[in-house]
Protein backbone atom coordinates (compact mmCIF):
# COMPACT_ATOMS: atom_id res chain seq x y z
CA UNK A 1 -72.64 99.58 112.66
CA UNK A 2 -75.20 100.48 109.98
CA UNK A 3 -74.93 96.99 108.48
CA UNK A 4 -75.29 95.41 111.93
CA UNK A 5 -78.48 97.31 112.72
CA UNK A 6 -79.84 96.59 109.26
CA UNK A 7 -79.34 92.86 109.91
CA UNK A 8 -80.71 93.15 113.45
CA UNK A 9 -83.91 94.84 112.28
CA UNK A 10 -84.29 92.21 109.56
CA UNK A 11 -83.92 89.36 112.07
CA UNK A 12 -86.46 91.02 114.38
CA UNK A 13 -88.87 91.38 111.45
CA UNK A 14 -88.46 87.73 110.47
CA UNK A 15 -88.83 86.27 113.98
CA UNK A 16 -92.01 88.30 114.56
CA UNK A 17 -93.56 87.34 111.20
CA UNK A 18 -96.61 85.13 111.87
CA UNK A 19 -95.94 82.32 109.33
CA UNK A 20 -92.32 82.06 110.53
CA UNK A 21 -93.46 81.70 114.15
CA UNK A 22 -95.94 78.99 113.13
CA UNK A 23 -93.29 77.08 111.18
CA UNK A 24 -90.69 77.35 113.97
CA UNK A 25 -93.22 76.23 116.58
CA UNK A 26 -94.15 73.14 114.55
CA UNK A 27 -90.52 72.23 113.83
CA UNK A 28 -89.59 72.53 117.52
CA UNK A 29 -92.61 70.43 118.52
CA UNK A 30 -91.56 67.84 115.94
CA UNK A 31 -87.99 67.79 117.29
CA UNK A 32 -89.30 67.22 120.81
CA UNK A 33 -91.61 64.41 119.65
CA UNK A 34 -88.77 62.77 117.70
CA UNK A 35 -86.56 62.86 120.79
CA UNK A 36 -89.28 61.28 122.91
CA UNK A 37 -89.66 58.55 120.29
CA UNK A 38 -85.88 58.07 120.17
CA UNK A 39 -85.64 57.60 123.94
CA UNK A 40 -88.63 55.26 123.91
CA UNK A 41 -86.99 53.03 121.29
CA UNK A 42 -83.31 53.36 122.19
CA UNK A 43 -82.89 54.12 125.90
CA UNK A 44 -82.15 50.46 126.70
CA UNK A 45 -79.60 50.24 123.87
CA UNK A 46 -77.92 53.42 125.12
CA UNK A 47 -77.66 51.97 128.62
CA UNK A 48 -76.20 48.69 127.30
CA UNK A 49 -73.60 50.66 125.30
CA UNK A 50 -72.58 52.57 128.42
CA UNK A 51 -72.29 49.41 130.52
CA UNK A 52 -69.95 47.92 127.92
CA UNK A 53 -67.42 50.73 128.45
CA UNK A 54 -64.80 49.88 131.11
CA UNK A 55 -63.93 52.41 133.83
CA UNK A 56 -65.97 55.33 132.44
CA UNK A 57 -69.15 56.70 134.05
CA UNK A 58 -70.70 60.10 134.74
CA UNK A 59 -68.38 60.80 137.67
CA UNK A 60 -65.20 60.44 135.63
CA UNK A 61 -66.13 62.14 132.37
CA UNK A 62 -64.84 65.69 132.04
CA UNK A 63 -67.36 68.41 132.76
CA UNK A 64 -66.74 72.15 132.58
CA UNK A 65 -68.50 74.77 134.67
CA UNK A 66 -69.03 77.07 131.70
CA UNK A 67 -70.52 79.98 133.67
CA UNK A 68 -69.21 80.77 137.14
CA UNK A 69 -68.17 84.07 138.73
CA UNK A 70 -64.79 83.84 140.39
CA UNK A 71 -65.49 85.86 143.54
CA UNK A 72 -68.42 83.51 144.27
CA UNK A 73 -66.67 80.25 143.32
CA UNK A 74 -66.49 78.79 146.83
CA UNK A 75 -69.39 77.65 149.02
CA UNK A 76 -70.36 79.58 152.15
CA UNK A 77 -68.87 77.04 154.56
CA UNK A 78 -65.51 77.26 152.79
CA UNK A 79 -65.56 81.07 152.92
CA UNK A 80 -66.57 81.00 156.59
CA UNK A 81 -63.69 78.63 157.46
CA UNK A 82 -61.25 80.85 155.57
CA UNK A 83 -62.40 84.08 157.26
CA UNK A 84 -62.17 82.44 160.71
CA UNK A 85 -58.68 81.09 160.01
CA UNK A 86 -57.38 84.52 158.94
CA UNK A 87 -59.00 86.19 161.94
CA UNK A 88 -57.36 83.60 164.18
CA UNK A 89 -53.91 83.57 162.53
CA UNK A 90 -53.48 87.16 161.23
CA UNK A 91 -55.53 89.47 163.49
CA UNK A 92 -52.89 92.22 163.43
CA UNK A 93 -52.52 92.41 159.65
CA UNK A 94 -53.42 95.83 158.20
CA UNK A 95 -56.09 95.11 155.60
CA UNK A 96 -58.07 98.28 154.79
CA UNK A 97 -58.07 102.08 154.91
CA UNK A 98 -61.42 103.31 156.22
CA UNK A 99 -62.66 106.37 158.10
CA UNK A 100 -59.34 108.15 157.63
CA UNK A 101 -57.12 105.43 159.12
CA UNK A 102 -55.56 102.04 158.45
CA UNK A 103 -57.30 99.16 160.19
CA UNK A 104 -56.15 95.66 161.12
CA UNK A 105 -58.35 92.63 160.56
CA UNK A 106 -59.28 92.39 164.24
CA UNK A 107 -60.13 96.13 164.33
CA UNK A 108 -62.41 95.71 161.32
CA UNK A 109 -64.35 92.95 163.08
CA UNK A 110 -64.48 94.92 166.33
CA UNK A 111 -65.94 97.89 164.42
CA UNK A 112 -68.67 95.52 163.19
CA UNK A 113 -69.26 94.11 166.71
CA UNK A 114 -68.29 90.64 165.48
CA UNK A 115 -65.86 88.01 166.78
CA UNK A 116 -64.66 84.78 165.22
CA UNK A 117 -66.95 82.90 167.60
CA UNK A 118 -69.98 84.90 166.43
CA UNK A 119 -69.43 84.03 162.77
CA UNK A 120 -71.62 81.39 161.17
CA UNK A 121 -73.12 80.72 157.76
CA UNK A 122 -76.25 82.51 158.96
CA UNK A 123 -74.20 85.53 160.07
CA UNK A 124 -72.53 85.74 156.66
CA UNK A 125 -76.05 85.85 155.17
CA UNK A 126 -74.83 85.38 151.60
CA UNK A 127 -77.34 82.79 150.48
CA UNK A 128 -79.80 84.20 147.96
CA UNK A 129 -83.17 84.53 149.66
CA UNK A 130 -85.98 87.01 148.99
CA UNK A 131 -84.27 87.91 145.72
CA UNK A 132 -86.91 86.86 143.18
CA UNK A 133 -87.04 89.64 140.54
CA UNK A 134 -84.74 91.67 142.81
CA UNK A 135 -81.35 91.74 141.09
CA UNK A 136 -80.34 94.62 143.37
CA UNK A 137 -80.82 92.46 146.47
CA UNK A 138 -79.01 89.57 144.80
CA UNK A 139 -75.93 91.74 144.18
CA UNK A 140 -75.91 92.86 147.81
CA UNK A 141 -75.50 89.20 148.82
CA UNK A 142 -71.88 89.45 147.62
CA UNK A 143 -71.18 91.37 150.86
CA UNK A 144 -70.35 88.97 153.75
CA UNK A 145 -72.51 89.82 156.78
CA UNK A 146 -73.94 92.65 154.66
CA UNK A 147 -70.66 94.60 154.96
CA UNK A 148 -68.98 96.03 151.86
CA UNK A 149 -65.67 96.30 153.74
CA UNK A 150 -65.58 92.51 154.22
CA UNK A 151 -66.19 92.05 150.50
CA UNK A 152 -63.35 94.46 149.76
CA UNK A 153 -60.98 92.59 152.08
CA UNK A 154 -61.82 88.99 151.18
CA UNK A 155 -63.37 89.00 147.70
CA UNK A 156 -61.58 91.76 145.75
CA UNK A 157 -58.36 91.62 143.73
CA UNK A 158 -57.68 95.38 143.92
CA UNK A 159 -57.42 96.36 147.59
CA UNK A 160 -54.89 97.41 150.22
CA UNK A 161 -53.46 93.87 150.50
CA UNK A 162 -53.34 93.43 146.69
CA UNK A 163 -55.98 90.71 146.68
CA UNK A 164 -53.92 88.46 148.98
CA UNK A 165 -56.87 86.77 150.72
CA UNK A 166 -58.82 86.16 147.52
CA UNK A 167 -55.70 84.61 145.98
CA UNK A 168 -55.29 82.29 148.99
CA UNK A 169 -58.88 81.04 148.90
CA UNK A 170 -58.61 80.69 145.10
CA UNK A 171 -55.64 78.35 145.58
CA UNK A 172 -57.71 76.26 147.99
CA UNK A 173 -60.52 75.95 145.42
CA UNK A 174 -57.96 75.04 142.73
CA UNK A 175 -56.62 72.35 145.07
CA UNK A 176 -60.16 70.94 145.37
CA UNK A 177 -60.45 70.92 141.56
CA UNK A 178 -57.19 68.98 141.29
CA UNK A 179 -58.52 66.47 143.81
CA UNK A 180 -61.74 66.01 141.82
CA UNK A 181 -59.64 65.61 138.62
CA UNK A 182 -62.60 65.53 136.22
CA UNK A 183 -64.08 68.99 136.85
CA UNK A 184 -62.92 72.17 135.16
CA UNK A 185 -63.99 75.81 135.42
CA UNK A 186 -64.08 79.03 133.43
CA UNK A 187 -63.93 81.72 136.10
CA UNK A 188 -65.19 85.25 135.37
CA UNK A 189 -63.21 88.21 136.69
CA UNK A 190 -64.27 91.81 136.11
CA UNK A 191 -62.75 94.59 134.05
CA UNK A 192 -64.91 97.66 134.55
CA UNK A 193 -63.51 100.13 132.00
CA UNK A 194 -63.09 102.89 134.60
CA UNK A 195 -59.30 103.12 134.49
CA UNK A 196 -56.55 102.19 132.09
CA UNK A 197 -54.60 100.42 134.86
CA UNK A 198 -57.23 97.71 135.53
CA UNK A 199 -55.70 95.14 133.15
CA UNK A 200 -52.22 95.67 134.58
CA UNK A 201 -53.44 95.08 138.16
CA UNK A 202 -55.45 91.99 137.19
CA UNK A 203 -52.58 90.48 135.18
CA UNK A 204 -50.12 91.04 138.04
CA UNK A 205 -52.54 89.54 140.57
CA UNK A 206 -52.84 86.32 138.53
CA UNK A 207 -49.10 86.22 137.75
CA UNK A 208 -47.69 87.04 141.20
CA UNK A 209 -50.02 84.61 142.96
CA UNK A 210 -49.48 81.86 140.34
CA UNK A 211 -53.21 81.30 139.81
CA UNK A 212 -52.93 79.11 136.74
CA UNK A 213 -54.01 75.49 136.52
CA UNK A 214 -54.84 72.88 133.87
CA UNK A 215 -58.33 72.87 135.44
CA UNK A 216 -58.90 76.62 135.15
CA UNK A 217 -59.39 79.05 132.29
CA UNK A 218 -60.25 82.69 132.84
CA UNK A 219 -62.91 84.88 131.26
CA UNK A 220 -63.24 88.63 131.64
CA UNK A 221 -66.70 90.03 132.27
CA UNK A 222 -67.58 93.62 131.37
CA UNK A 223 -70.37 95.00 133.61
CA UNK A 224 -72.66 97.35 131.67
CA UNK A 225 -72.15 100.22 134.13
CA UNK A 226 -71.24 103.10 131.80
CA UNK A 227 -74.05 105.23 133.27
CA UNK A 228 -72.50 104.96 136.75
CA UNK A 229 -68.94 105.86 135.68
CA UNK A 230 -70.26 108.78 133.61
CA UNK A 231 -72.22 110.06 136.60
CA UNK A 232 -69.11 109.79 138.81
CA UNK A 233 -67.01 111.63 136.20
CA UNK A 234 -64.66 108.67 135.62
CA UNK A 235 -65.33 108.59 131.86
CA UNK A 236 -66.39 111.35 129.45
CA UNK A 237 -67.98 109.17 126.78
CA UNK A 238 -68.52 105.53 125.82
CA UNK A 239 -65.44 105.48 123.57
CA UNK A 240 -63.23 106.25 126.56
CA UNK A 241 -64.63 103.21 128.34
CA UNK A 242 -63.95 101.03 125.27
CA UNK A 243 -60.39 102.40 125.13
CA UNK A 244 -59.78 101.49 128.77
CA UNK A 245 -61.06 97.96 128.06
CA UNK A 246 -59.27 97.21 124.79
CA UNK A 247 -56.24 99.48 124.22
CA UNK A 248 -54.03 97.73 126.85
CA UNK A 249 -54.76 94.42 125.07
CA UNK A 250 -53.71 95.73 121.66
CA UNK A 251 -50.54 97.16 123.20
CA UNK A 252 -49.50 93.94 124.95
CA UNK A 253 -50.33 91.95 121.80
CA UNK A 254 -48.05 94.21 119.76
CA UNK A 255 -45.23 93.90 122.32
CA UNK A 256 -45.68 91.11 124.92
CA UNK A 257 -42.48 92.17 126.69
CA UNK A 258 -44.10 95.51 127.58
CA UNK A 259 -46.22 93.75 130.21
CA UNK A 260 -45.26 90.11 130.72
CA UNK A 261 -47.70 89.41 133.60
CA UNK A 262 -50.61 90.59 131.44
CA UNK A 263 -49.28 88.63 128.45
CA UNK A 264 -49.15 85.43 130.53
CA UNK A 265 -52.64 86.05 131.90
CA UNK A 266 -54.03 86.47 128.37
CA UNK A 267 -52.60 83.05 127.50
CA UNK A 268 -54.92 81.50 130.11
CA UNK A 269 -57.89 83.71 129.19
CA UNK A 270 -60.44 82.29 126.74
CA UNK A 271 -63.15 84.89 126.29
CA UNK A 272 -65.24 87.91 127.23
CA UNK A 273 -68.58 88.08 128.99
CA UNK A 274 -70.92 91.05 129.38
CA UNK A 275 -73.06 91.24 132.52
CA UNK A 276 -75.79 93.26 134.23
CA UNK A 277 -79.49 93.18 135.00
CA UNK A 278 -81.24 92.68 131.65
CA UNK A 279 -84.64 93.54 133.11
CA UNK A 280 -83.70 97.23 133.44
CA UNK A 281 -85.53 99.60 131.10
CA UNK A 282 -83.42 101.03 128.25
CA UNK A 283 -83.92 104.81 127.81
CA UNK A 284 -82.39 104.70 124.32
CA UNK A 285 -83.31 102.09 121.72
CA UNK A 286 -82.31 101.65 118.10
CA UNK A 287 -85.15 102.16 115.66
CA UNK A 288 -85.40 102.09 111.88
CA UNK A 289 -84.42 105.44 110.41
CA UNK A 290 -82.93 106.64 113.70
CA UNK A 291 -79.17 106.45 114.18
CA UNK A 292 -77.60 106.05 117.58
CA UNK A 293 -74.54 108.21 118.37
CA UNK A 294 -71.05 106.82 117.74
CA UNK A 295 -69.17 105.82 120.94
CA UNK A 296 -67.18 109.08 121.08
CA UNK A 297 -70.46 110.99 120.71
CA UNK A 298 -72.22 108.99 123.44
CA UNK A 299 -72.03 111.50 126.27
CA UNK A 300 -75.47 110.81 127.78
CA UNK A 301 -75.64 109.75 131.41
CA UNK A 302 -77.92 106.91 130.31
CA UNK A 303 -76.58 103.47 129.38
CA UNK A 304 -76.39 102.48 125.70
CA UNK A 305 -78.91 99.73 124.79
CA UNK A 306 -77.98 96.05 125.05
CA UNK A 307 -77.56 95.59 121.27
CA UNK A 308 -75.18 98.59 121.17
CA UNK A 309 -72.97 97.02 123.86
CA UNK A 310 -73.00 93.71 121.98
CA UNK A 311 -71.90 95.26 118.70
CA UNK A 312 -69.01 97.34 120.03
CA UNK A 313 -67.67 94.59 122.27
CA UNK A 314 -67.93 92.12 119.38
CA UNK A 315 -66.26 94.53 116.91
CA UNK A 316 -63.33 95.22 119.23
CA UNK A 317 -62.89 91.53 120.12
CA UNK A 318 -62.93 90.63 116.40
CA UNK A 319 -60.25 93.24 115.63
CA UNK A 320 -58.15 92.09 118.61
CA UNK A 321 -58.49 88.44 117.55
CA UNK A 322 -57.31 89.22 114.02
CA UNK A 323 -54.28 91.04 115.40
CA UNK A 324 -53.46 88.20 117.80
CA UNK A 325 -53.95 85.61 115.06
CA UNK A 326 -51.33 87.40 112.94
CA UNK A 327 -48.96 87.28 115.92
CA UNK A 328 -49.59 83.55 116.48
CA UNK A 329 -51.30 84.15 119.84
CA UNK A 330 -54.50 82.68 121.32
CA UNK A 331 -57.82 84.36 120.54
CA UNK A 332 -60.99 85.06 122.54
CA UNK A 333 -64.67 84.19 122.26
CA UNK A 334 -67.58 86.47 123.14
CA UNK A 335 -70.11 84.76 125.44
CA UNK A 336 -72.37 87.36 127.07
CA UNK A 337 -75.20 86.98 129.56
CA UNK A 338 -78.26 87.01 127.35
CA UNK A 339 -81.88 86.00 127.80
CA UNK A 340 -81.81 85.87 131.61
CA UNK A 341 -84.61 88.45 131.85
CA UNK A 342 -85.99 91.47 130.03
CA UNK A 343 -86.60 91.77 126.30
CA UNK A 344 -86.26 88.42 124.45
CA UNK A 345 -84.94 90.42 121.48
CA UNK A 346 -81.64 90.80 123.37
CA UNK A 347 -81.08 87.26 122.10
CA UNK A 348 -81.28 88.53 118.50
CA UNK A 349 -78.31 90.83 119.15
CA UNK A 350 -76.43 87.95 120.78
CA UNK A 351 -77.31 85.70 117.83
CA UNK A 352 -75.47 88.09 115.48
CA UNK A 353 -72.44 88.69 117.69
CA UNK A 354 -71.87 85.91 120.24
CA UNK A 355 -70.07 82.55 120.14
CA UNK A 356 -72.24 81.36 123.03
CA UNK A 357 -74.50 82.79 125.72
CA UNK A 358 -75.25 82.39 129.43
CA UNK A 359 -78.81 81.71 130.66
CA UNK A 360 -81.02 81.98 127.53
CA UNK A 361 -84.24 81.25 129.42
CA UNK A 362 -86.23 83.94 127.54
CA UNK A 363 -85.69 81.94 124.34
CA UNK A 364 -88.81 80.10 125.45
CA UNK A 365 -90.77 83.27 124.56
CA UNK A 366 -89.55 83.41 120.95
CA UNK A 367 -89.95 80.13 119.05
CA UNK A 368 -88.36 81.55 115.88
CA UNK A 369 -85.21 82.63 117.72
CA UNK A 370 -85.12 79.32 119.57
CA UNK A 371 -85.20 77.49 116.24
CA UNK A 372 -82.36 79.70 114.94
CA UNK A 373 -80.27 78.89 118.03
CA UNK A 374 -80.94 75.21 117.37
CA UNK A 375 -79.93 75.40 113.70
CA UNK A 376 -76.67 77.22 114.48
CA UNK A 377 -75.96 75.21 117.68
CA UNK A 378 -74.90 78.30 119.61
CA UNK A 379 -73.80 77.14 123.07
CA UNK A 380 -76.11 78.01 125.98
CA UNK A 381 -74.68 77.72 129.52
CA UNK A 382 -77.76 77.41 131.74
CA UNK A 383 -78.00 77.80 135.52
CA UNK A 384 -81.44 76.58 136.68
CA UNK A 385 -80.70 76.98 140.42
CA UNK A 386 -79.64 80.59 139.82
CA UNK A 387 -82.74 81.29 137.72
CA UNK A 388 -84.85 79.74 140.48
CA UNK A 389 -83.64 82.41 142.92
CA UNK A 390 -83.96 85.33 140.52
CA UNK A 391 -86.30 85.10 137.57
CA UNK A 392 -87.88 81.68 136.97
CA UNK A 393 -89.09 78.90 139.28
CA UNK A 394 -87.17 75.65 138.81
CA UNK A 395 -90.10 73.58 137.52
CA UNK A 396 -90.75 76.19 134.80
CA UNK A 397 -87.15 76.26 133.55
CA UNK A 398 -86.96 75.38 129.83
CA UNK A 399 -83.68 73.42 130.18
CA UNK A 400 -85.22 69.92 129.73
CA UNK A 401 -87.21 71.12 126.70
CA UNK A 402 -84.14 72.74 125.11
CA UNK A 403 -82.19 69.54 125.73
CA UNK A 404 -84.90 67.34 124.23
CA UNK A 405 -85.17 69.54 121.14
CA UNK A 406 -81.42 69.38 120.61
CA UNK A 407 -80.24 72.88 121.51
CA UNK A 408 -76.59 72.98 122.56
CA UNK A 409 -77.07 73.31 126.34
CA UNK A 410 -74.80 72.76 129.33
CA UNK A 411 -75.27 73.12 133.10
CA UNK A 412 -73.34 75.68 135.14
CA UNK A 413 -73.36 77.03 138.69
CA UNK A 414 -73.20 80.85 138.28
CA UNK A 415 -72.63 81.81 141.98
CA UNK A 416 -71.96 78.83 144.30
CA UNK A 417 -71.44 80.99 147.40
CA UNK A 418 -75.02 82.24 147.11
CA UNK A 419 -76.79 79.25 145.60
CA UNK A 420 -75.20 75.94 146.58
CA UNK A 421 -74.80 74.08 149.85
CA UNK A 422 -72.27 71.34 149.10
CA UNK A 423 -68.55 71.41 148.42
CA UNK A 424 -69.18 70.19 144.87
CA UNK A 425 -71.44 72.86 143.36
CA UNK A 426 -71.39 71.56 139.77
CA UNK A 427 -72.36 68.02 140.82
CA UNK A 428 -75.08 69.58 142.99
CA UNK A 429 -76.42 71.36 139.88
CA UNK A 430 -76.43 68.08 137.92
CA UNK A 431 -77.96 66.06 140.75
CA UNK A 432 -80.91 68.43 141.23
CA UNK A 433 -81.55 68.44 137.46
CA UNK A 434 -81.42 64.63 137.34
CA UNK A 435 -83.91 64.23 140.18
CA UNK A 436 -86.40 66.88 139.07
CA UNK A 437 -86.34 66.19 135.32
CA UNK A 438 -85.56 62.45 135.47
CA UNK A 439 -82.51 62.71 133.23
CA UNK A 440 -80.73 59.48 132.28
CA UNK A 441 -77.04 58.67 132.52
CA UNK A 442 -76.80 59.27 128.76
CA UNK A 443 -78.40 62.70 129.17
CA UNK A 444 -75.94 63.69 131.89
CA UNK A 445 -72.91 62.55 129.91
CA UNK A 446 -74.20 64.30 126.78
CA UNK A 447 -74.62 67.56 128.73
CA UNK A 448 -71.11 67.14 130.18
CA UNK A 449 -69.73 66.59 126.65
CA UNK A 450 -71.55 69.73 125.49
CA UNK A 451 -69.88 71.70 128.28
CA UNK A 452 -66.40 70.70 127.10
CA UNK A 453 -67.26 71.55 123.48
CA UNK A 454 -68.69 74.95 124.50
CA UNK A 455 -65.69 75.81 126.66
CA UNK A 456 -62.59 77.72 125.64
CA UNK A 457 -60.16 74.95 126.63
CA UNK A 458 -57.50 74.49 123.97
CA UNK A 459 -57.71 71.92 121.17
CA UNK A 460 -55.09 69.59 122.73
CA UNK A 461 -57.04 69.49 126.00
CA UNK A 462 -60.32 68.75 124.23
CA UNK A 463 -58.58 65.93 122.34
CA UNK A 464 -57.51 64.49 125.68
CA UNK A 465 -60.97 64.93 127.24
CA UNK A 466 -63.18 63.86 124.30
CA UNK A 467 -60.95 61.85 121.99
CA UNK A 468 -58.60 62.78 119.11
CA UNK A 469 -61.37 63.01 116.48
CA UNK A 470 -63.83 65.13 118.48
CA UNK A 471 -64.13 67.74 115.68
CA UNK A 472 -65.63 65.23 113.22
CA UNK A 473 -69.43 65.16 112.83
CA UNK A 474 -71.65 62.45 114.31
CA UNK A 475 -70.31 59.26 115.85
CA UNK A 476 -67.04 59.62 113.91
CA UNK A 477 -66.17 62.40 116.35
CA UNK A 478 -67.34 60.55 119.45
CA UNK A 479 -65.13 58.29 121.55
CA UNK A 480 -67.43 56.59 124.05
CA UNK A 481 -64.37 55.47 126.04
CA UNK A 482 -63.76 59.16 126.85
CA UNK A 483 -67.25 60.71 126.83
CA UNK A 484 -69.48 57.79 127.91
CA UNK A 485 -72.03 59.08 125.35
CA UNK A 486 -73.31 56.21 123.15
CA UNK A 487 -72.87 56.58 119.39
CA UNK A 488 -76.63 56.04 119.04
CA UNK A 489 -77.29 59.37 120.81
CA UNK A 490 -74.61 61.30 118.93
CA UNK A 491 -75.78 59.99 115.55
CA UNK A 492 -79.39 60.82 116.41
CA UNK A 493 -78.44 64.43 117.22
CA UNK A 494 -76.32 64.78 114.07
CA UNK A 495 -78.85 63.24 111.68
CA UNK A 496 -81.72 65.28 113.13
CA UNK A 497 -79.75 68.53 112.80
CA UNK A 498 -78.73 67.71 109.22
CA UNK A 499 -82.38 66.98 108.42
CA UNK A 500 -83.49 70.37 109.78
CA UNK A 501 -80.71 72.19 107.93
CA UNK A 502 -81.77 70.47 104.71
CA UNK A 503 -85.38 71.44 105.41
CA UNK A 504 -84.61 75.17 105.74
CA UNK A 505 -82.02 75.30 102.93
CA UNK A 506 -83.32 76.36 99.52
CA UNK A 507 -83.35 73.42 97.08
CA UNK A 508 -80.72 73.46 94.36
CA UNK A 509 -82.64 73.95 91.13
CA UNK A 510 -81.33 72.26 87.98
CA UNK A 511 -79.60 74.63 85.60
CA UNK A 512 -81.39 74.90 82.25
CA UNK A 513 -79.35 75.89 79.26
CA UNK A 514 -81.09 77.86 76.53
């Protein structure tokens, strides 16, 4: 950890050094100007190249929703239809234990003074409104009709009915994905670190309900809620929380037969996420010359700082990956929420630890960090419609600037049930971006290609989606018949990046022999 904080402080010093900020600003401006010149000179040629490709267009290139939370993966109309159908077909099913007794579905709705006829999208009231800079209000929108008991019944995996209803609606969404054929998702499900049994329950839920699909990969998100579990007495220190999160994974990696449902789930899981409201103040912060407690010594009721979470999640994932690699098993990426709000320096911690990030809109406040993210091509899954409801108005979103400068960006939906109106949330995200920012067909296909490259889908799938040579640099790795991205665009991106890397690399001085 000492080495990590030493590097983190050094990066913070560099990115806040005046001459570095000036240089990064000028290089980013130059990249943007070059892109504008490229589109001015080559947009017609790119369009001609796309027209020459048979069959392929934006609608039938693969695109991955690289950031979407599973319990919000359906739109409101779909959820409303599902709730009404269960209320109509299974009113007598016992679904919850509340107020000292077991309650059937119809009794739950009677206790809320609701009937199936009363229910509407407006009654559900899950669409994000009046949530700007109010993450607390946004989270409350996960409760249908403002009722936590309805969320527990319909949108939780660990409840009295063992997540039966959520599994059923998940299968319906998977069926829609199969029908669309060209859309894929990486759904986030939560592991909280409150109990050791969480992984076992989640693995069994996926396994028993057969929730696997060629269109779906799973990611596990860790909410940064240590302070809450400590206050409730569920954990004694931060190390205990880390043990609950990672020890079951080391055990099932050592002996897959000890928990086959969890082993099979891990084969469809591609990474870890870390989530919470970044705009919250951090009572403890790392400073030069001041050491933070080790996890087993962290007994405060306050949360550890963001960079502390990043390091210990990264370190445990790295150790787990090495163990799984030795066993010939799949490994996991670390792609946390970073740069959605709060301190832009959160992105420095993510830069040192993450394979990719979600949001990244505060990169616009740090030109030096933005330039670093460009040089390393760290994937950024952006959700402009989500940002528009929470932290940044749509027209101010830096997505089109990041894209022009050549950062590795993709579009994602985040929470369709709260943000989107149509059945096809990802296409809705693309269509709004196209209209507002006047993106071209080449832009859309390039962003879709980025989403596949950023995703955790296995190598054989990416070969099928992008072409067998997709790992090669430049146009050698591009198959326009699969991606619909013209070689002109791919070569431009590659040559520009190589030019910037050459610019920042120290020149090789000739060796003089005395």
